[in-house]
Structures are given as C-alpha cells and as structure tokens.
N, C-alpha and C. Protein backbone atom coordinates (compact mmCIF):
# COMPACT_ATOMS: atom_id res chain seq x y z
N MET A 1 70.16 233.54 2.06
CA MET A 1 70.84 232.90 1.47
C MET A 1 71.35 231.96 2.35
N SER A 2 71.29 231.02 2.51
CA SER A 2 71.80 229.56 3.25
C SER A 2 73.43 229.91 3.37
N GLU A 3 74.03 229.66 4.28
CA GLU A 3 75.08 229.58 4.82
C GLU A 3 75.92 228.67 3.60
N ARG A 4 75.54 227.67 3.31
CA ARG A 4 75.89 226.41 2.10
C ARG A 4 76.12 227.08 1.03
N SER A 5 75.20 228.13 0.47
CA SER A 5 74.93 228.63 -0.54
C SER A 5 75.97 229.47 -0.77
N GLU A 6 75.98 230.24 0.34
CA GLU A 6 77.21 231.79 0.43
C GLU A 6 78.69 230.96 0.29
N PHE A 7 79.00 229.99 0.62
CA PHE A 7 80.10 229.21 0.69
C PHE A 7 80.52 228.91 -0.71
N TRP A 8 79.72 228.40 -1.34
CA TRP A 8 79.89 227.99 -2.97
C TRP A 8 80.37 228.92 -3.55
N LEU A 9 79.08 230.00 -3.63
CA LEU A 9 79.08 231.54 -4.84
C LEU A 9 79.87 232.18 -4.30
N SER A 10 80.73 232.19 -2.99
CA SER A 10 81.86 232.97 -2.80
C SER A 10 83.23 232.28 -3.67
N HIS A 11 83.30 230.88 -3.44
CA HIS A 11 84.41 230.55 -4.17
C HIS A 11 84.05 230.89 -5.96
N LEU A 12 82.57 230.60 -6.42
CA LEU A 12 82.73 230.95 -7.53
C LEU A 12 83.16 232.33 -8.18
N SER A 13 82.68 233.56 -7.00
CA SER A 13 83.29 234.79 -7.25
C SER A 13 84.52 234.86 -7.18
N ALA A 14 85.40 234.29 -6.50
CA ALA A 14 86.78 234.25 -6.50
C ALA A 14 87.51 233.58 -7.77
N ILE A 15 86.74 232.43 -8.26
CA ILE A 15 87.11 232.18 -9.52
C ILE A 15 87.10 233.28 -10.75
N GLU A 16 86.14 233.64 -10.74
CA GLU A 16 85.87 234.92 -11.54
C GLU A 16 86.76 235.86 -11.35
N ALA A 17 87.17 236.25 -10.43
CA ALA A 17 87.73 237.63 -10.02
C ALA A 17 89.26 237.07 -10.29
N GLU A 18 89.61 236.04 -10.02
CA GLU A 18 91.07 235.54 -10.01
C GLU A 18 91.59 235.17 -11.70
N GLY A 19 90.32 234.83 -12.51
CA GLY A 19 90.62 234.77 -13.87
C GLY A 19 91.06 233.20 -13.81
N ILE A 20 90.91 232.06 -12.80
CA ILE A 20 91.59 230.76 -12.69
C ILE A 20 90.38 229.87 -13.47
N THR A 21 91.23 228.51 -13.74
CA THR A 21 90.22 227.70 -14.19
C THR A 21 89.51 227.25 -13.38
N THR A 22 88.29 226.79 -13.05
CA THR A 22 87.57 225.65 -12.02
C THR A 22 88.68 224.84 -11.46
N LYS A 23 88.88 223.98 -12.26
CA LYS A 23 89.73 222.93 -11.83
C LYS A 23 91.05 223.37 -11.30
N ALA A 24 91.89 224.43 -11.72
CA ALA A 24 92.78 224.67 -10.96
C ALA A 24 92.39 225.09 -9.27
N TYR A 25 91.41 225.77 -9.54
CA TYR A 25 90.94 226.53 -8.04
C TYR A 25 90.59 225.58 -6.98
N ALA A 26 89.72 224.64 -7.72
CA ALA A 26 89.42 223.32 -6.87
C ALA A 26 90.42 222.63 -6.13
N GLU A 27 91.46 222.12 -7.05
CA GLU A 27 92.52 221.45 -6.47
C GLU A 27 93.59 222.27 -5.57
N ARG A 28 93.40 223.92 -5.93
CA ARG A 28 94.35 224.61 -5.19
C ARG A 28 93.58 224.94 -3.65
N GLU A 29 92.25 224.65 -3.46
CA GLU A 29 91.76 224.86 -2.47
C GLU A 29 90.96 223.72 -1.65
N GLY A 30 91.39 222.67 -2.24
CA GLY A 30 90.93 221.21 -2.10
C GLY A 30 89.60 221.20 -1.92
N LEU A 31 88.77 221.65 -2.84
CA LEU A 31 87.28 221.54 -3.30
C LEU A 31 87.30 220.56 -4.50
N SER A 32 85.81 220.01 -4.21
CA SER A 32 85.24 219.38 -5.72
C SER A 32 84.93 220.18 -6.93
N ALA A 33 85.88 220.09 -7.79
CA ALA A 33 85.61 220.86 -9.02
C ALA A 33 84.10 220.31 -9.54
N GLN A 34 83.57 219.08 -9.12
CA GLN A 34 82.52 218.80 -9.93
C GLN A 34 81.33 219.95 -9.00
N ALA A 35 81.21 219.88 -7.69
CA ALA A 35 80.51 220.64 -7.13
C ALA A 35 80.24 221.95 -6.90
N LEU A 36 81.85 222.45 -7.94
CA LEU A 36 81.55 224.08 -8.21
C LEU A 36 81.22 224.05 -9.58
N TYR A 37 81.27 222.79 -10.56
CA TYR A 37 80.24 223.37 -11.64
C TYR A 37 78.93 223.05 -11.79
N GLN A 38 78.57 222.53 -10.52
CA GLN A 38 77.05 222.08 -10.15
C GLN A 38 76.25 223.29 -9.54
N TRP A 39 77.14 224.13 -8.51
CA TRP A 39 76.83 225.61 -8.32
C TRP A 39 76.75 226.42 -9.17
N ARG A 40 77.86 226.65 -10.08
CA ARG A 40 77.67 227.33 -11.18
C ARG A 40 76.40 227.39 -11.96
N LYS A 41 76.09 226.12 -12.39
CA LYS A 41 75.07 225.89 -13.35
C LYS A 41 74.05 226.29 -12.52
N ARG A 42 73.85 226.02 -11.39
CA ARG A 42 72.34 226.61 -10.61
C ARG A 42 72.50 227.96 -10.65
N ARG A 43 73.75 228.66 -10.28
CA ARG A 43 73.59 230.09 -10.67
C ARG A 43 73.35 230.63 -11.74
N VAL A 44 73.40 229.97 -12.80
CA VAL A 44 73.06 230.62 -14.23
C VAL A 44 71.68 230.05 -14.55
N ALA A 45 71.39 228.98 -13.88
CA ALA A 45 69.78 228.93 -14.21
C ALA A 45 68.45 229.72 -13.42
N GLU A 46 69.44 230.35 -12.18
CA GLU A 46 68.60 230.96 -11.44
C GLU A 46 68.54 232.26 -12.07
N ALA A 47 69.85 232.83 -12.84
CA ALA A 47 69.94 234.13 -13.24
C ALA A 47 69.04 234.27 -14.56
N ARG A 48 69.07 233.20 -15.17
CA ARG A 48 68.18 232.98 -16.36
C ARG A 48 66.70 233.05 -16.13
N SER A 49 66.00 232.80 -14.87
CA SER A 49 64.84 232.80 -14.57
C SER A 49 64.46 234.18 -14.16
N SER A 50 65.47 234.85 -13.77
CA SER A 50 65.07 235.81 -13.19
C SER A 50 65.70 237.39 -14.28
N ARG A 51 65.71 237.35 -15.36
CA ARG A 51 66.15 238.26 -16.31
C ARG A 51 65.29 239.56 -16.07
N THR A 52 65.93 240.53 -16.22
CA THR A 52 65.34 241.82 -16.45
C THR A 52 64.93 242.03 -17.66
N PRO A 53 63.96 243.04 -17.82
CA PRO A 53 63.08 243.23 -19.06
C PRO A 53 64.31 243.49 -20.11
N LEU A 54 65.64 244.18 -20.15
CA LEU A 54 66.92 244.26 -21.20
C LEU A 54 67.47 243.26 -21.57
N GLY A 55 66.95 242.27 -21.32
CA GLY A 55 67.48 240.60 -21.63
C GLY A 55 68.73 240.28 -20.50
N GLY A 56 68.74 240.62 -19.58
CA GLY A 56 69.19 240.36 -18.58
C GLY A 56 70.44 241.12 -17.99
N PHE A 57 70.44 242.76 -18.46
CA PHE A 57 70.93 243.85 -18.37
C PHE A 57 70.21 244.77 -17.39
N ALA A 58 70.62 245.49 -16.51
CA ALA A 58 69.64 246.26 -15.49
C ALA A 58 70.49 247.39 -15.95
N ALA A 59 69.21 248.85 -15.92
CA ALA A 59 69.71 250.02 -16.21
C ALA A 59 70.93 250.57 -15.00
N ILE A 60 71.65 251.03 -15.40
CA ILE A 60 72.46 251.96 -14.02
C ILE A 60 73.11 253.23 -14.68
N GLN A 61 73.45 253.91 -13.88
CA GLN A 61 73.79 255.43 -14.16
C GLN A 61 75.15 255.26 -13.60
N VAL A 62 76.44 255.77 -14.72
CA VAL A 62 77.59 256.06 -14.19
C VAL A 62 78.03 257.79 -14.47
N GLU A 63 78.52 258.32 -13.54
CA GLU A 63 79.06 259.55 -13.69
C GLU A 63 80.02 259.59 -14.75
N PRO A 64 79.89 260.83 -15.60
CA PRO A 64 80.38 260.62 -17.15
C PRO A 64 82.02 260.82 -16.54
N SER A 65 82.84 261.48 -15.35
CA SER A 65 84.14 261.33 -15.42
C SER A 65 84.65 259.87 -14.92
N ILE A 66 83.72 259.19 -14.36
CA ILE A 66 84.52 257.49 -13.94
C ILE A 66 84.18 257.04 -15.44
N ALA A 67 82.92 257.35 -16.13
CA ALA A 67 82.69 256.39 -17.11
C ALA A 67 83.96 256.83 -18.43
N ALA A 68 84.46 257.86 -18.27
CA ALA A 68 85.69 258.34 -19.18
C ALA A 68 86.80 257.78 -18.96
N ARG A 69 87.38 257.00 -17.59
CA ARG A 69 88.04 256.33 -17.36
C ARG A 69 87.97 254.94 -17.13
N ALA A 70 86.95 254.25 -16.78
CA ALA A 70 86.70 253.13 -16.39
C ALA A 70 86.69 252.21 -17.54
N GLY A 71 87.46 250.88 -17.23
CA GLY A 71 87.41 249.85 -18.20
C GLY A 71 86.28 248.89 -17.53
N CYS A 72 86.41 247.46 -17.91
CA CYS A 72 85.41 246.74 -17.71
C CYS A 72 85.74 245.24 -18.09
N THR A 73 84.77 244.34 -17.44
CA THR A 73 85.41 243.06 -17.98
C THR A 73 83.67 242.54 -17.94
N VAL A 74 83.31 241.97 -19.02
CA VAL A 74 82.36 241.19 -19.28
C VAL A 74 81.94 239.86 -19.38
N VAL A 75 81.45 238.86 -18.36
CA VAL A 75 81.78 237.94 -18.01
C VAL A 75 80.45 237.06 -18.87
N ILE A 76 80.68 236.57 -19.89
CA ILE A 76 79.28 235.73 -20.50
C ILE A 76 79.33 234.43 -19.81
N ASP A 77 79.99 233.34 -19.56
CA ASP A 77 80.56 232.29 -18.99
C ASP A 77 81.46 232.12 -18.57
N SER A 78 81.68 230.73 -18.15
CA SER A 78 83.31 230.47 -17.43
C SER A 78 84.04 230.20 -18.65
N GLY A 79 83.92 230.24 -19.85
CA GLY A 79 84.75 230.28 -20.94
C GLY A 79 84.93 231.42 -21.59
N LEU A 80 84.33 232.51 -21.58
CA LEU A 80 84.31 233.52 -22.34
C LEU A 80 84.34 235.00 -21.33
N ARG A 81 85.33 235.55 -21.34
CA ARG A 81 85.25 237.06 -20.72
C ARG A 81 85.77 237.71 -21.81
N LEU A 82 85.03 239.15 -21.73
CA LEU A 82 85.53 240.18 -22.87
C LEU A 82 86.00 241.23 -21.79
N GLU A 83 87.23 241.84 -22.06
CA GLU A 83 88.22 242.80 -21.66
C GLU A 83 87.74 244.16 -22.31
N CYS A 84 87.03 245.39 -21.59
CA CYS A 84 86.62 246.71 -22.60
C CYS A 84 87.63 247.56 -21.81
N ALA A 85 88.31 248.57 -22.68
CA ALA A 85 89.18 249.62 -22.18
C ALA A 85 88.34 250.85 -21.67
N ALA A 86 86.69 250.43 -22.09
CA ALA A 86 85.98 251.77 -21.54
C ALA A 86 84.91 251.31 -21.58
N LEU A 87 83.49 251.65 -20.59
CA LEU A 87 82.70 251.10 -20.57
C LEU A 87 81.95 251.03 -22.01
N PRO A 88 81.36 249.72 -22.21
CA PRO A 88 80.52 249.72 -23.92
C PRO A 88 79.16 250.68 -23.44
N SER A 89 78.39 250.75 -24.23
CA SER A 89 77.24 251.79 -24.72
C SER A 89 76.26 250.49 -24.18
N VAL A 90 75.17 250.81 -23.96
CA VAL A 90 73.46 250.21 -23.57
C VAL A 90 73.54 249.23 -25.07
N ASP A 91 73.41 250.17 -26.08
CA ASP A 91 72.88 249.34 -27.35
C ASP A 91 74.29 248.50 -27.66
N TRP A 92 75.64 248.73 -27.58
CA TRP A 92 76.38 247.59 -27.90
C TRP A 92 75.82 246.29 -26.81
N LEU A 93 75.75 246.41 -25.62
CA LEU A 93 75.34 245.34 -24.50
C LEU A 93 74.06 244.44 -25.35
N ALA A 94 73.18 245.76 -25.52
CA ALA A 94 71.81 244.92 -25.88
C ALA A 94 71.49 243.93 -26.93
N THR A 95 72.95 244.31 -27.79
CA THR A 95 73.40 243.43 -29.05
C THR A 95 73.99 242.36 -28.93
N LEU A 96 74.99 242.57 -27.92
CA LEU A 96 75.83 241.61 -27.48
C LEU A 96 74.45 240.20 -26.88
N SER A 97 74.09 240.61 -26.19
CA SER A 97 72.81 239.81 -25.45
C SER A 97 72.09 239.08 -26.69
N ALA A 98 71.70 239.76 -27.48
CA ALA A 98 70.79 239.14 -28.63
C ALA A 98 71.65 238.14 -29.33
N ALA A 99 72.68 238.74 -29.72
CA ALA A 99 73.38 237.67 -30.33
C ALA A 99 73.61 236.18 -29.44
N LEU A 100 74.08 236.53 -28.25
CA LEU A 100 74.45 235.28 -27.64
C LEU A 100 73.25 234.49 -27.43
N ARG A 101 72.16 234.72 -27.50
CA ARG A 101 70.67 234.25 -26.94
C ARG A 101 70.32 233.41 -28.07
N GLU A 102 70.51 234.06 -29.67
CA GLU A 102 70.49 233.24 -30.75
C GLU A 102 71.27 232.35 -30.92
N ARG A 103 72.72 232.35 -30.14
CA ARG A 103 73.54 231.14 -30.20
C ARG A 103 73.42 230.25 -28.90
N GLY A 104 72.50 230.43 -28.34
CA GLY A 104 72.27 229.59 -27.37
C GLY A 104 73.45 229.94 -25.79
N ARG A 105 73.83 230.74 -25.95
CA ARG A 105 74.85 231.12 -24.60
C ARG A 105 74.35 231.49 -23.61
C-alpha cells in the first residue's frame, strides 16, 4: 500500500473509531472533507470487489469466555453503526448482510 493510501485510510479509521462526522473530523484536522469522502468511496468499492463467500463476512473463532463478555460494533457505512452488547451469531450477521444487499447498502 502506498504512503498516500495509508495516510487517508488511517484518517478514515480514526473517524470510525471516534464516531465523529467526516466533516467535523476534516475541519479539526485541516483536511479536505471531499478527499475523505472520495477515499471512503474507493475503500467501499475495493471491499465490494473482494467479498468473501459469506457475503462480506469472514469466519472467525472467538473463545467462549471472551464472547460472553465482549460487545461489538457493526459499521454498515458512514451513517449506520449498530452497537451490540454481545457478539451476534453468524446467522444473524448473514441475515443482516442479505437484507442490506436487498436494500442496496
């Protein structure tokens, strides 16, 4: 990955981690909001072109002791985040993925 890509993708990750709007983050950091939106669009397009067989989800294994106390955040796009108190089941994630594909998300 180029330094330029790493630069913009690190800022996109920071936006997601902070839960701040792209515009507010750009203003605070002195960056172009339009450039951030373009890099996000590129990132989404790349993710769609390299989807895994489970509709964008990769199989993982979580130790039961961790899963019992672990919450998670499912980020659908810049405007939709789901906060879960516990890890959702694979079936639930697959159903969510299918529903979002039907709606064009």
